[in-house]
Amino acid sequence: MNFRDLEYLAAVADHLHFGQAASACHVSQSTLSLQLQKLEAGLGVQLIERTNRRVVFTAAGQAFVSRARDILRARQEMMDEAEIEAGQMPAEITLGLIPTIAPYRLGAVLTAMKKACPDTLVRVVEDVTGELEKGVATGRLDAAILATDCGDALIEATWLMDDELLLAVPAGHPLAARKRRMDPGLISGDKLLLLKDGHCLRDQALDYCTAHGSGRGHESVATSIETLLTLVRHGAGVTLIPKMTLDHRPSAAGVVFVKLNPPPMRRIRLMTRKTSRLGHRLAKVLMAMG
């Protein structure tokens, strides 16, 4: 048994597909499959049930995968700490970002990393909150930038910035002429357009509007902020948009952004494992990015 065997097994558990797991590990499917068969033979237990249609882990396999992830995470942390102890960042780190942050802050992140750690390659993974939290906890990701808190005891959060949510309405909407902050209750007659399940912005927008009596008529219709803006532009409804989306685009054709009172906010945090010294160093770099 070696670390590569454990990586193969963890990849199969992640993808539940031998071909996709092999691709993620940059080996052929036959190589991965044969190596796992040898692992099972050496252990004397069946870890995976193989069928033509699906991959199922046995009880022993599930327990083994859990231990394998712990070992792989510990190995990575040992390697990271050794490099940091020597005053260096790792040659490569993997950073996750949610889709409502990545397009708007990734440039600042990469610029800060290049300035502080020019020899470190940053590999970016864009995914929804739940998957990124899981990735950090299991060691597949070194860190993730999220807009929610995390309940995992293994993960600690470092504040990076606060981001206000603005009400986006069509240019011809009666509320578009408002210059001052407005009561969110005034949008109770409009359909509230939201991202689909899995996106934390959906829950944040809905929770705020519901708490202020304006979330009764809502619909989850999109997987991107740009799609929401297009729907608003064409009069399909209104939505809440993070202010950071306007940093490089102060306006959007056919859409007006109105401030609410009280202002809905989301807190942007860097999530890292408490046991990772890499996380502490990375947090210092990103907190300075502005």
Protein backbone atom coordinates (compact mmCIF):
# COMPACT_ATOMS: atom_id res chain seq x y z
CA MET A 1 0.00 0.00 0.00
CA ASN A 2 1.22 3.52 -0.80
CA PHE A 3 -0.12 7.07 -0.90
CA ARG A 4 -1.00 6.75 -4.57
CA ASP A 5 -3.30 3.83 -3.81
CA LEU A 6 -5.09 5.97 -1.23
CA GLU A 7 -5.41 8.82 -3.74
CA TYR A 8 -6.95 6.46 -6.29
CA LEU A 9 -9.43 5.15 -3.73
CA ALA A 10 -10.41 8.65 -2.57
CA ALA A 11 -10.91 9.76 -6.18
CA VAL A 12 -13.27 6.85 -6.86
CA ALA A 13 -15.20 7.77 -3.71
CA ASP A 14 -15.43 11.39 -4.88
CA HIS A 15 -16.61 10.59 -8.42
CA LEU A 16 -18.25 7.16 -8.01
CA HIS A 17 -16.96 6.50 -11.49
CA PHE A 18 -13.70 4.79 -12.43
CA GLY A 19 -13.16 6.73 -15.64
CA GLN A 20 -13.66 10.13 -14.01
CA ALA A 21 -11.51 9.13 -11.05
CA ALA A 22 -8.71 8.02 -13.37
CA SER A 23 -8.91 11.31 -15.27
CA ALA A 24 -8.70 13.27 -12.01
CA CYS A 25 -5.61 11.26 -11.04
CA HIS A 26 -4.05 11.64 -14.52
CA VAL A 27 -3.76 7.88 -15.10
CA SER A 28 -5.54 5.40 -17.34
CA GLN A 29 -8.67 3.71 -16.06
CA SER A 30 -7.03 0.30 -16.36
CA THR A 31 -4.08 1.42 -14.22
CA LEU A 32 -6.33 2.79 -11.51
CA SER A 33 -8.61 -0.25 -11.53
CA LEU A 34 -5.74 -2.72 -11.41
CA GLN A 35 -4.03 -0.89 -8.56
CA LEU A 36 -7.20 -0.89 -6.48
CA GLN A 37 -7.68 -4.59 -7.12
CA LYS A 38 -4.14 -5.15 -5.81
CA LEU A 39 -4.96 -3.02 -2.77
CA GLU A 40 -8.04 -5.14 -2.02
CA ALA A 41 -6.05 -8.33 -2.48
CA GLY A 42 -3.34 -7.11 -0.12
CA LEU A 43 -5.89 -6.15 2.52
CA GLY A 44 -7.95 -9.28 2.05
CA VAL A 45 -11.24 -7.36 1.99
CA GLN A 46 -13.56 -6.05 -0.71
CA LEU A 47 -13.68 -2.27 -0.70
CA ILE A 48 -15.72 -1.61 -3.85
CA GLU A 49 -18.62 -3.43 -5.48
CA ARG A 50 -18.26 -3.09 -9.23
CA THR A 51 -21.20 -3.23 -11.64
CA ASN A 52 -21.70 -2.03 -15.20
CA ARG A 53 -23.84 0.87 -14.05
CA ARG A 54 -22.52 2.09 -10.72
CA VAL A 55 -19.80 1.95 -8.09
CA VAL A 56 -20.78 1.04 -4.53
CA PHE A 57 -18.45 1.06 -1.53
CA THR A 58 -18.80 -1.73 1.00
CA ALA A 59 -18.98 -0.91 4.71
CA ALA A 60 -15.29 -1.77 4.97
CA GLY A 61 -14.61 0.41 1.93
CA GLN A 62 -16.39 3.41 3.42
CA ALA A 63 -14.41 3.11 6.64
CA PHE A 64 -11.16 2.70 4.69
CA VAL A 65 -11.88 5.76 2.55
CA SER A 66 -12.43 7.85 5.68
CA ARG A 67 -9.07 6.77 7.10
CA ALA A 68 -7.41 7.24 3.72
CA ARG A 69 -8.60 10.86 3.57
CA ASP A 70 -7.21 11.47 7.05
CA ILE A 71 -3.83 10.07 6.02
CA LEU A 72 -3.71 12.07 2.78
CA ARG A 73 -4.68 15.26 4.58
CA ALA A 74 -2.05 14.68 7.27
CA ARG A 75 0.61 14.02 4.61
CA GLN A 76 -0.24 17.25 2.79
CA GLU A 77 -0.21 19.26 5.99
CA MET A 78 3.20 17.82 6.92
CA MET A 79 4.57 18.80 3.52
CA ASP A 80 3.02 22.27 3.73
CA GLU A 81 4.33 22.89 7.24
CA ALA A 82 7.83 21.81 6.24
CA GLU A 83 7.83 24.32 3.38
CA ILE A 84 6.39 27.10 5.51
CA GLU A 85 8.88 26.38 8.28
CA ALA A 86 11.60 26.95 5.73
CA GLY A 87 10.03 30.32 4.88
CA GLN A 88 8.39 29.14 1.67
CA MET A 89 4.88 28.62 0.40
CA PRO A 90 4.11 25.31 -1.30
CA ALA A 91 4.79 25.06 -5.02
CA GLU A 92 1.03 24.70 -5.57
CA ILE A 93 -2.11 25.40 -3.58
CA THR A 94 -5.73 24.66 -4.42
CA LEU A 95 -8.22 27.41 -3.63
CA GLY A 96 -11.99 27.12 -3.92
CA LEU A 97 -14.40 29.98 -4.62
CA ILE A 98 -18.17 30.06 -4.96
CA PRO A 99 -19.65 31.24 -8.31
CA THR A 100 -20.99 34.48 -6.82
CA ILE A 101 -17.48 35.51 -5.75
CA ALA A 102 -15.06 33.94 -8.25
CA PRO A 103 -15.78 36.16 -11.32
CA TYR A 104 -15.57 39.34 -9.25
CA ARG A 105 -12.71 38.78 -6.78
CA LEU A 106 -10.53 36.16 -8.41
CA GLY A 107 -8.39 38.80 -10.12
CA ALA A 108 -7.60 40.48 -6.79
CA VAL A 109 -6.86 37.09 -5.20
CA LEU A 110 -4.44 36.05 -7.93
CA THR A 111 -2.74 39.46 -7.93
CA ALA A 112 -2.23 39.30 -4.14
CA MET A 113 -0.87 35.77 -4.37
CA LYS A 114 1.50 36.63 -7.22
CA LYS A 115 2.85 39.61 -5.30
CA ALA A 116 3.31 37.77 -1.99
CA CYS A 117 4.14 34.28 -3.28
CA PRO A 118 5.39 34.54 -6.88
CA ASP A 119 6.64 30.95 -6.97
CA THR A 120 3.34 29.40 -5.87
CA LEU A 121 0.90 28.17 -8.50
CA VAL A 122 -2.72 28.77 -7.49
CA ARG A 123 -5.11 26.14 -8.78
CA VAL A 124 -8.69 27.44 -8.70
CA VAL A 125 -11.81 25.35 -8.13
CA GLU A 126 -15.23 26.99 -8.56
CA ASP A 127 -18.13 25.16 -6.91
CA VAL A 128 -21.09 25.63 -4.58
CA THR A 129 -20.63 26.15 -0.85
CA GLY A 130 -21.33 22.60 0.32
CA GLU A 131 -18.80 21.02 -2.03
CA LEU A 132 -16.10 23.54 -1.16
CA GLU A 133 -16.61 23.05 2.58
CA LYS A 134 -16.29 19.31 2.08
CA GLY A 135 -13.16 19.83 -0.02
CA VAL A 136 -11.45 21.88 2.68
CA ALA A 137 -12.41 19.49 5.47
CA THR A 138 -11.15 16.43 3.59
CA GLY A 139 -7.94 18.05 2.34
CA ARG A 140 -8.83 18.17 -1.36
CA LEU A 141 -8.69 21.96 -1.10
CA ASP A 142 -6.18 24.01 0.86
CA ALA A 143 -8.71 26.78 1.43
CA ALA A 144 -11.96 28.24 0.12
CA ILE A 145 -13.48 31.71 -0.07
CA LEU A 146 -17.14 31.54 0.94
CA ALA A 147 -19.98 33.86 1.92
CA THR A 148 -21.33 31.79 4.82
CA ASP A 149 -20.14 30.49 8.15
CA CYS A 150 -19.14 26.84 8.48
CA GLY A 151 -20.29 24.40 11.15
CA ASP A 152 -17.42 21.96 10.68
CA ALA A 153 -15.28 21.87 13.83
CA LEU A 154 -12.16 21.21 11.72
CA ILE A 155 -12.50 24.48 9.81
CA GLU A 156 -11.81 28.02 10.94
CA ALA A 157 -12.99 31.19 9.23
CA THR A 158 -11.03 34.41 8.65
CA TRP A 159 -12.97 37.54 7.76
CA LEU A 160 -11.95 39.10 4.43
CA MET A 161 -14.67 41.66 3.67
CA ASP A 162 -18.37 42.48 3.94
CA ASP A 163 -20.46 42.70 0.79
CA GLU A 164 -23.80 44.52 0.62
CA LEU A 165 -26.68 43.14 -1.44
CA LEU A 166 -28.50 45.61 -3.72
CA LEU A 167 -31.99 45.35 -5.14
CA ALA A 168 -31.92 45.02 -8.94
CA VAL A 169 -35.06 46.20 -10.75
CA PRO A 170 -35.88 46.86 -14.43
CA ALA A 171 -35.09 50.41 -15.58
CA GLY A 172 -38.79 51.18 -16.02
CA HIS A 173 -39.84 49.87 -12.60
CA PRO A 174 -41.54 52.38 -10.22
CA LEU A 175 -38.83 51.73 -7.62
CA ALA A 176 -36.04 52.56 -10.08
CA ALA A 177 -36.40 56.29 -9.43
CA ARG A 178 -35.66 55.99 -5.71
CA LYS A 179 -32.50 57.75 -4.64
CA ARG A 180 -32.59 56.90 -0.93
CA ARG A 181 -32.54 53.55 0.84
CA MET A 182 -35.96 51.94 0.71
CA ASP A 183 -38.00 49.60 2.87
CA PRO A 184 -37.75 46.03 1.48
CA GLY A 185 -41.43 45.59 2.19
CA LEU A 186 -42.13 47.73 -0.89
CA ILE A 187 -41.08 44.87 -3.18
CA SER A 188 -43.69 42.46 -1.81
CA GLY A 189 -45.70 42.72 -5.02
CA ASP A 190 -42.79 41.70 -7.26
CA LYS A 191 -41.57 38.21 -8.08
CA LEU A 192 -38.23 37.62 -6.37
CA LEU A 193 -35.83 35.84 -8.73
CA LEU A 194 -33.24 33.61 -7.07
CA LEU A 195 -30.35 31.32 -7.87
CA LYS A 196 -31.01 27.60 -7.67
CA ASP A 197 -30.55 25.43 -4.58
CA GLY A 198 -26.97 25.00 -3.45
CA HIS A 199 -26.06 28.66 -3.95
CA CYS A 200 -25.76 30.46 -0.62
CA LEU A 201 -26.81 33.76 -2.22
CA ARG A 202 -30.23 32.20 -2.82
CA ASP A 203 -30.72 31.51 0.88
CA GLN A 204 -29.34 34.89 1.94
CA ALA A 205 -31.63 36.83 -0.39
CA LEU A 206 -34.68 34.76 0.48
CA ASP A 207 -34.05 34.92 4.23
CA TYR A 208 -33.69 38.69 4.14
CA CYS A 209 -36.79 39.27 2.04
CA THR A 210 -38.90 36.81 4.03
CA ALA A 211 -37.85 38.48 7.29
CA HIS A 212 -39.07 41.82 5.89
CA GLY A 213 -42.33 40.58 4.39
CA SER A 214 -41.27 40.53 0.76
CA GLY A 215 -40.31 36.95 -0.05
CA ARG A 216 -43.69 35.36 -0.60
CA GLY A 217 -43.53 35.23 -4.40
CA HIS A 218 -40.14 33.81 -5.32
CA GLU A 219 -38.70 31.48 -7.94
CA SER A 220 -35.30 29.78 -8.21
CA VAL A 221 -34.50 30.20 -11.90
CA ALA A 222 -30.78 30.58 -12.54
CA THR A 223 -27.27 29.33 -11.82
CA SER A 224 -25.49 32.64 -12.43
CA ILE A 225 -25.85 36.30 -11.50
CA GLU A 226 -25.62 37.29 -15.17
CA THR A 227 -28.72 35.23 -15.96
CA LEU A 228 -30.59 36.87 -13.07
CA LEU A 229 -29.69 40.31 -14.43
CA THR A 230 -30.89 39.37 -17.91
CA LEU A 231 -34.23 38.22 -16.48
CA VAL A 232 -34.57 41.43 -14.46
CA ARG A 233 -33.73 43.52 -17.54
CA HIS A 234 -36.62 41.88 -19.41
CA GLY A 235 -39.12 42.42 -16.63
CA ALA A 236 -39.34 38.88 -15.25
CA GLY A 237 -38.94 40.08 -11.65
CA VAL A 238 -36.46 41.61 -9.21
CA THR A 239 -33.49 40.18 -7.36
CA LEU A 240 -30.73 40.92 -4.85
CA ILE A 241 -27.24 41.31 -6.32
CA PRO A 242 -23.91 41.46 -4.44
CA LYS A 243 -22.34 44.91 -4.62
CA MET A 244 -18.99 43.38 -5.60
CA THR A 245 -20.48 42.49 -8.99
CA LEU A 246 -20.59 46.23 -9.76
CA ASP A 247 -16.98 46.99 -8.83
CA HIS A 248 -15.89 46.77 -12.47
CA ARG A 249 -19.31 47.51 -13.93
CA PRO A 250 -20.98 50.47 -12.21
CA SER A 251 -24.17 49.91 -14.18
CA ALA A 252 -25.95 47.28 -16.24
CA ALA A 253 -28.02 48.23 -19.27
CA GLY A 254 -31.72 48.17 -18.48
CA VAL A 255 -31.19 47.45 -14.75
CA VAL A 256 -31.20 49.87 -11.81
CA PHE A 257 -29.70 49.06 -8.41
CA VAL A 258 -31.47 50.32 -5.30
CA LYS A 259 -30.14 50.29 -1.73
CA LEU A 260 -32.29 48.79 1.02
CA ASN A 261 -32.80 49.69 4.66
CA PRO A 262 -31.67 47.81 6.66
CA PRO A 263 -28.93 46.85 4.21
CA PRO A 264 -28.63 43.11 3.58
CA MET A 265 -25.02 42.00 3.98
CA ARG A 266 -23.00 38.88 3.36
CA ARG A 267 -19.68 38.26 5.09
CA ILE A 268 -16.87 36.97 2.88
CA ARG A 269 -14.59 34.55 4.71
CA LEU A 270 -11.54 32.42 4.02
CA MET A 271 -12.09 28.85 5.22
CA THR A 272 -9.05 26.81 6.20
CA ARG A 273 -8.38 23.79 8.37
CA LYS A 274 -7.43 24.61 11.95
CA THR A 275 -4.54 22.17 11.73
CA SER A 276 -3.04 23.74 8.60
CA ARG A 277 -0.31 26.34 9.04
CA LEU A 278 -0.68 27.01 5.33
CA GLY A 279 -4.12 28.38 6.07
CA HIS A 280 -2.74 30.95 8.50
CA ARG A 281 -0.16 32.17 5.99
CA LEU A 282 -2.73 32.29 3.19
CA ALA A 283 -5.15 34.25 5.35
CA LYS A 284 -2.52 36.96 5.93
CA VAL A 285 -1.92 37.28 2.18
CA LEU A 286 -5.59 37.54 1.26
CA MET A 287 -6.56 39.86 4.09
CA ALA A 288 -4.17 42.39 2.57
CA MET A 289 -5.60 42.22 -0.94
CA GLY A 290 -8.14 45.01 -0.41
